N, C-alpha and C. Protein backbone atom coordinates (compact mmCIF):
# COMPACT_ATOMS: atom_id res chain seq x y z
N MET A 1 -2.40 223.67 272.96
CA MET A 1 -2.97 222.16 273.10
C MET A 1 -2.03 221.12 273.68
N LYS A 2 -0.77 221.28 273.31
CA LYS A 2 0.34 220.20 273.64
C LYS A 2 0.48 220.29 275.12
N ALA A 3 0.25 221.38 275.95
CA ALA A 3 0.38 221.58 277.33
C ALA A 3 -0.92 220.60 277.92
N ILE A 4 -1.95 220.97 277.56
CA ILE A 4 -3.30 220.30 277.89
C ILE A 4 -3.11 218.91 277.83
N ILE A 5 -2.76 218.41 276.64
CA ILE A 5 -2.54 216.85 276.49
C ILE A 5 -1.64 216.16 277.58
N TRP A 6 -0.52 216.97 277.62
CA TRP A 6 0.52 216.31 278.65
C TRP A 6 -0.13 216.54 280.07
N GLY A 7 -0.80 217.43 280.21
CA GLY A 7 -1.49 217.44 281.64
C GLY A 7 -2.34 216.29 281.89
N ILE A 8 -2.95 216.18 280.87
CA ILE A 8 -4.34 214.95 280.89
C ILE A 8 -3.47 213.66 281.16
N VAL A 9 -2.41 213.43 280.42
CA VAL A 9 -1.61 212.29 280.52
C VAL A 9 -0.95 212.09 282.01
N ALA A 10 -0.51 213.29 282.31
CA ALA A 10 0.19 213.22 283.71
C ALA A 10 -1.03 212.80 284.76
N ALA A 11 -2.02 213.62 284.56
CA ALA A 11 -3.19 213.32 285.56
C ALA A 11 -3.54 212.09 285.79
N LEU A 12 -3.63 211.28 284.36
CA LEU A 12 -4.12 209.82 284.44
C LEU A 12 -3.10 208.89 284.85
N PHE A 13 -1.92 209.23 284.75
CA PHE A 13 -0.62 208.57 285.07
C PHE A 13 -0.79 208.46 286.53
N VAL A 14 -0.86 209.42 287.31
CA VAL A 14 -0.81 209.54 288.65
C VAL A 14 -1.93 208.97 289.17
N ARG A 15 -3.21 209.09 288.52
CA ARG A 15 -4.39 208.55 289.21
C ARG A 15 -4.37 206.89 288.96
N PHE A 16 -4.02 206.34 287.73
CA PHE A 16 -4.23 204.94 287.36
C PHE A 16 -2.92 204.26 287.15
N GLY A 17 -1.85 205.05 286.91
CA GLY A 17 -0.48 204.31 286.47
C GLY A 17 0.54 204.09 287.36
N LEU A 18 0.48 204.50 288.76
CA LEU A 18 1.50 204.32 289.68
C LEU A 18 1.52 202.77 290.02
N GLU A 19 0.48 202.15 290.34
CA GLU A 19 0.33 200.64 290.76
C GLU A 19 0.95 199.90 289.41
N PRO A 20 0.31 200.02 288.22
CA PRO A 20 1.03 199.11 287.08
C PRO A 20 2.47 199.19 287.03
N SER A 21 2.92 200.50 286.96
CA SER A 21 4.51 200.89 286.96
C SER A 21 5.18 200.30 288.02
N ALA A 22 4.66 200.16 289.45
CA ALA A 22 5.41 199.57 290.36
C ALA A 22 5.49 197.88 290.09
N TRP A 23 4.46 197.36 289.76
CA TRP A 23 4.39 195.91 289.37
C TRP A 23 5.38 195.69 288.22
N PHE A 24 5.40 196.42 287.13
CA PHE A 24 6.44 196.33 286.05
C PHE A 24 7.85 196.35 286.57
N PHE A 25 8.07 197.29 287.43
CA PHE A 25 9.59 197.35 288.08
C PHE A 25 9.63 196.05 288.85
N TYR A 26 8.84 195.55 289.62
CA TYR A 26 8.85 194.45 290.41
C TYR A 26 9.13 193.41 289.55
N GLU A 27 8.36 192.93 288.38
CA GLU A 27 8.59 191.84 287.60
C GLU A 27 9.86 191.92 287.07
N ALA A 28 10.24 193.13 286.39
CA ALA A 28 11.51 193.40 285.79
C ALA A 28 12.86 193.02 286.71
N SER A 29 12.58 193.51 288.07
CA SER A 29 13.77 193.28 288.85
C SER A 29 14.02 191.72 289.22
N HIS A 30 12.96 191.08 289.13
CA HIS A 30 12.96 189.47 289.39
C HIS A 30 13.50 188.91 288.21
N MET A 31 13.08 189.21 287.04
CA MET A 31 13.33 188.55 285.74
C MET A 31 14.75 188.96 285.29
N LEU A 32 15.19 190.24 285.45
CA LEU A 32 16.45 190.47 285.10
C LEU A 32 17.45 190.31 286.10
N SER A 33 17.07 190.10 287.37
CA SER A 33 18.07 190.03 288.66
C SER A 33 18.90 191.51 288.78
N VAL A 34 18.35 192.57 288.55
CA VAL A 34 18.90 193.76 288.78
C VAL A 34 18.26 194.47 289.85
N ASP A 35 19.15 194.63 290.99
CA ASP A 35 18.71 195.20 292.32
C ASP A 35 18.11 196.60 292.21
N TRP A 36 18.73 197.36 291.28
CA TRP A 36 18.26 198.83 291.52
C TRP A 36 16.88 199.07 290.78
N LEU A 37 16.38 197.99 290.08
CA LEU A 37 14.98 198.17 289.40
C LEU A 37 14.03 198.01 290.57
N TYR A 38 14.34 197.19 291.68
CA TYR A 38 13.44 197.07 292.64
C TYR A 38 13.43 198.63 293.27
N TRP A 39 14.11 199.37 293.35
CA TRP A 39 14.02 200.75 293.74
C TRP A 39 12.97 201.54 293.03
N GLY A 40 12.55 201.33 291.98
CA GLY A 40 11.79 201.71 291.02
C GLY A 40 10.26 201.27 291.68
N TYR A 41 10.31 199.93 291.80
CA TYR A 41 9.13 199.37 292.39
C TYR A 41 8.81 199.94 293.79
N SER A 42 9.72 199.96 294.69
CA SER A 42 9.61 200.71 295.81
C SER A 42 8.97 202.26 295.78
N GLY A 43 9.48 202.87 295.02
CA GLY A 43 9.21 204.34 294.68
C GLY A 43 7.64 204.52 294.07
N PHE A 44 7.37 203.58 293.29
CA PHE A 44 6.00 203.68 292.52
C PHE A 44 4.90 203.26 293.65
N ARG A 45 5.40 202.13 294.28
CA ARG A 45 4.57 201.45 295.13
C ARG A 45 4.44 202.33 296.30
N GLY A 46 5.36 202.88 296.81
CA GLY A 46 5.21 203.80 298.13
C GLY A 46 4.30 205.05 297.60
N ALA A 47 4.48 205.63 296.37
CA ALA A 47 3.57 206.82 295.90
C ALA A 47 2.18 206.24 295.74
N ALA A 48 2.00 204.97 295.01
CA ALA A 48 0.55 204.55 294.98
C ALA A 48 -0.21 204.37 296.29
N PHE A 49 0.67 204.03 297.40
CA PHE A 49 0.08 203.59 298.60
C PHE A 49 -0.20 205.01 299.31
N ALA A 50 0.78 205.91 299.33
CA ALA A 50 0.40 207.16 300.03
C ALA A 50 -0.85 207.89 299.37
N LEU A 51 -0.79 207.89 297.87
CA LEU A 51 -1.73 208.58 297.30
C LEU A 51 -3.21 207.94 297.36
N GLY A 52 -3.26 206.38 297.90
CA GLY A 52 -4.32 205.79 298.08
C GLY A 52 -4.87 206.13 299.74
N LEU A 53 -3.79 206.40 300.38
CA LEU A 53 -4.30 206.94 301.91
C LEU A 53 -4.81 208.25 302.15
N TYR A 54 -4.24 209.06 301.04
CA TYR A 54 -4.67 210.51 300.93
C TYR A 54 -6.27 210.73 300.37
N GLY A 55 -7.01 211.37 301.22
CA GLY A 55 -8.51 211.15 301.06
C GLY A 55 -8.71 212.01 299.52
N TYR A 56 -7.95 212.90 299.30
CA TYR A 56 -8.24 213.77 297.87
C TYR A 56 -7.28 213.32 296.83
N ASP A 57 -7.29 212.15 296.48
CA ASP A 57 -6.36 211.64 295.49
C ASP A 57 -6.82 211.91 294.00
N LEU A 58 -8.06 212.17 293.87
CA LEU A 58 -8.61 212.89 292.56
C LEU A 58 -8.02 214.39 292.42
N ILE A 59 -8.16 214.94 293.60
CA ILE A 59 -7.53 216.45 293.38
C ILE A 59 -6.21 216.57 293.25
N ALA A 60 -5.45 215.75 294.08
CA ALA A 60 -4.03 215.67 293.46
C ALA A 60 -3.54 215.18 292.56
N SER A 61 -4.33 214.27 291.70
CA SER A 61 -4.01 213.86 290.40
C SER A 61 -4.07 215.00 289.33
N LEU A 62 -5.38 215.64 289.50
CA LEU A 62 -5.69 216.89 288.70
C LEU A 62 -4.51 217.93 289.01
N MET A 63 -4.01 218.27 290.38
CA MET A 63 -3.08 219.23 290.39
C MET A 63 -1.74 218.92 289.67
N ALA A 64 -1.46 217.60 289.99
CA ALA A 64 -0.25 217.16 289.21
C ALA A 64 -0.35 217.48 287.72
N GLY A 65 -1.28 217.06 287.09
CA GLY A 65 -1.70 217.45 285.78
C GLY A 65 -1.57 218.93 285.61
N PHE A 66 -2.32 219.49 286.21
CA PHE A 66 -2.18 221.06 286.05
C PHE A 66 -0.64 221.52 286.24
N VAL A 67 0.03 220.92 286.95
CA VAL A 67 1.47 221.61 287.16
C VAL A 67 2.18 221.05 285.91
N VAL A 68 2.09 219.95 285.49
CA VAL A 68 2.62 219.71 284.15
C VAL A 68 2.32 220.15 283.05
N ALA A 69 0.87 220.48 282.89
CA ALA A 69 0.34 221.29 281.71
C ALA A 69 1.10 223.05 281.88
N CYS A 70 1.26 223.33 282.91
CA CYS A 70 1.87 224.58 283.14
C CYS A 70 3.21 224.66 282.76
N ILE A 71 4.05 223.66 283.33
CA ILE A 71 5.53 223.59 282.88
C ILE A 71 5.54 223.55 281.41
N VAL A 72 4.72 222.68 280.77
CA VAL A 72 5.00 222.29 279.11
C VAL A 72 4.50 223.66 278.43
N ALA A 73 3.66 224.41 278.97
CA ALA A 73 3.24 225.70 278.28
C ALA A 73 4.43 226.74 278.52
N ILE A 74 5.03 226.68 279.42
CA ILE A 74 6.07 227.84 279.91
C ILE A 74 7.14 227.39 278.84
N PHE A 75 7.64 226.02 278.82
CA PHE A 75 8.69 225.68 277.96
C PHE A 75 8.51 225.81 276.42
N THR A 76 7.11 225.67 276.25
CA THR A 76 6.54 225.66 274.58
C THR A 76 6.91 227.07 274.33
N ARG A 77 6.16 228.07 275.06
CA ARG A 77 6.22 229.36 274.89
C ARG A 77 7.61 230.08 274.76
N HIS A 78 8.60 229.48 275.74
CA HIS A 78 9.93 229.98 275.79
C HIS A 78 10.57 229.66 274.49
N SER A 79 10.46 228.25 274.29
CA SER A 79 11.01 227.88 272.92
C SER A 79 10.65 228.53 271.67
N ARG A 80 9.43 228.86 271.61
CA ARG A 80 8.96 229.56 270.37
C ARG A 80 9.34 230.94 270.43
N SER A 81 9.55 231.51 271.59
CA SER A 81 10.11 232.94 271.46
C SER A 81 11.47 233.07 271.09
N LYS A 82 12.18 232.15 271.27
CA LYS A 82 13.64 231.90 270.99
C LYS A 82 13.78 231.73 269.53
N SER A 83 12.91 231.12 268.96
CA SER A 83 12.96 230.57 267.63
C SER A 83 12.44 231.93 266.68
N ASN A 84 11.72 232.69 267.33
CA ASN A 84 11.27 233.89 266.61
C ASN A 84 12.26 235.03 266.66
N ALA A 85 13.23 235.01 267.58
CA ALA A 85 14.32 236.05 267.79
C ALA A 85 15.40 236.07 266.85
């Protein structure tokens, strides 16, 4: 269940959260005068722009969520098997 929730959160972030995250880094870099925060803006803004150009952005978002869900499931299963041993 935890893997499904993390997958949904990741898919929603990729679909709807890249642009707001970019603007957060943009505003933080100017407000705090920290140059490396602008790199965060550039990365998120570039990812949002590239995803917008890609015609299958919904499928890409769902695939990102699926990959995250699989990774969480593998790590959860691995940590559960270690604690039982």
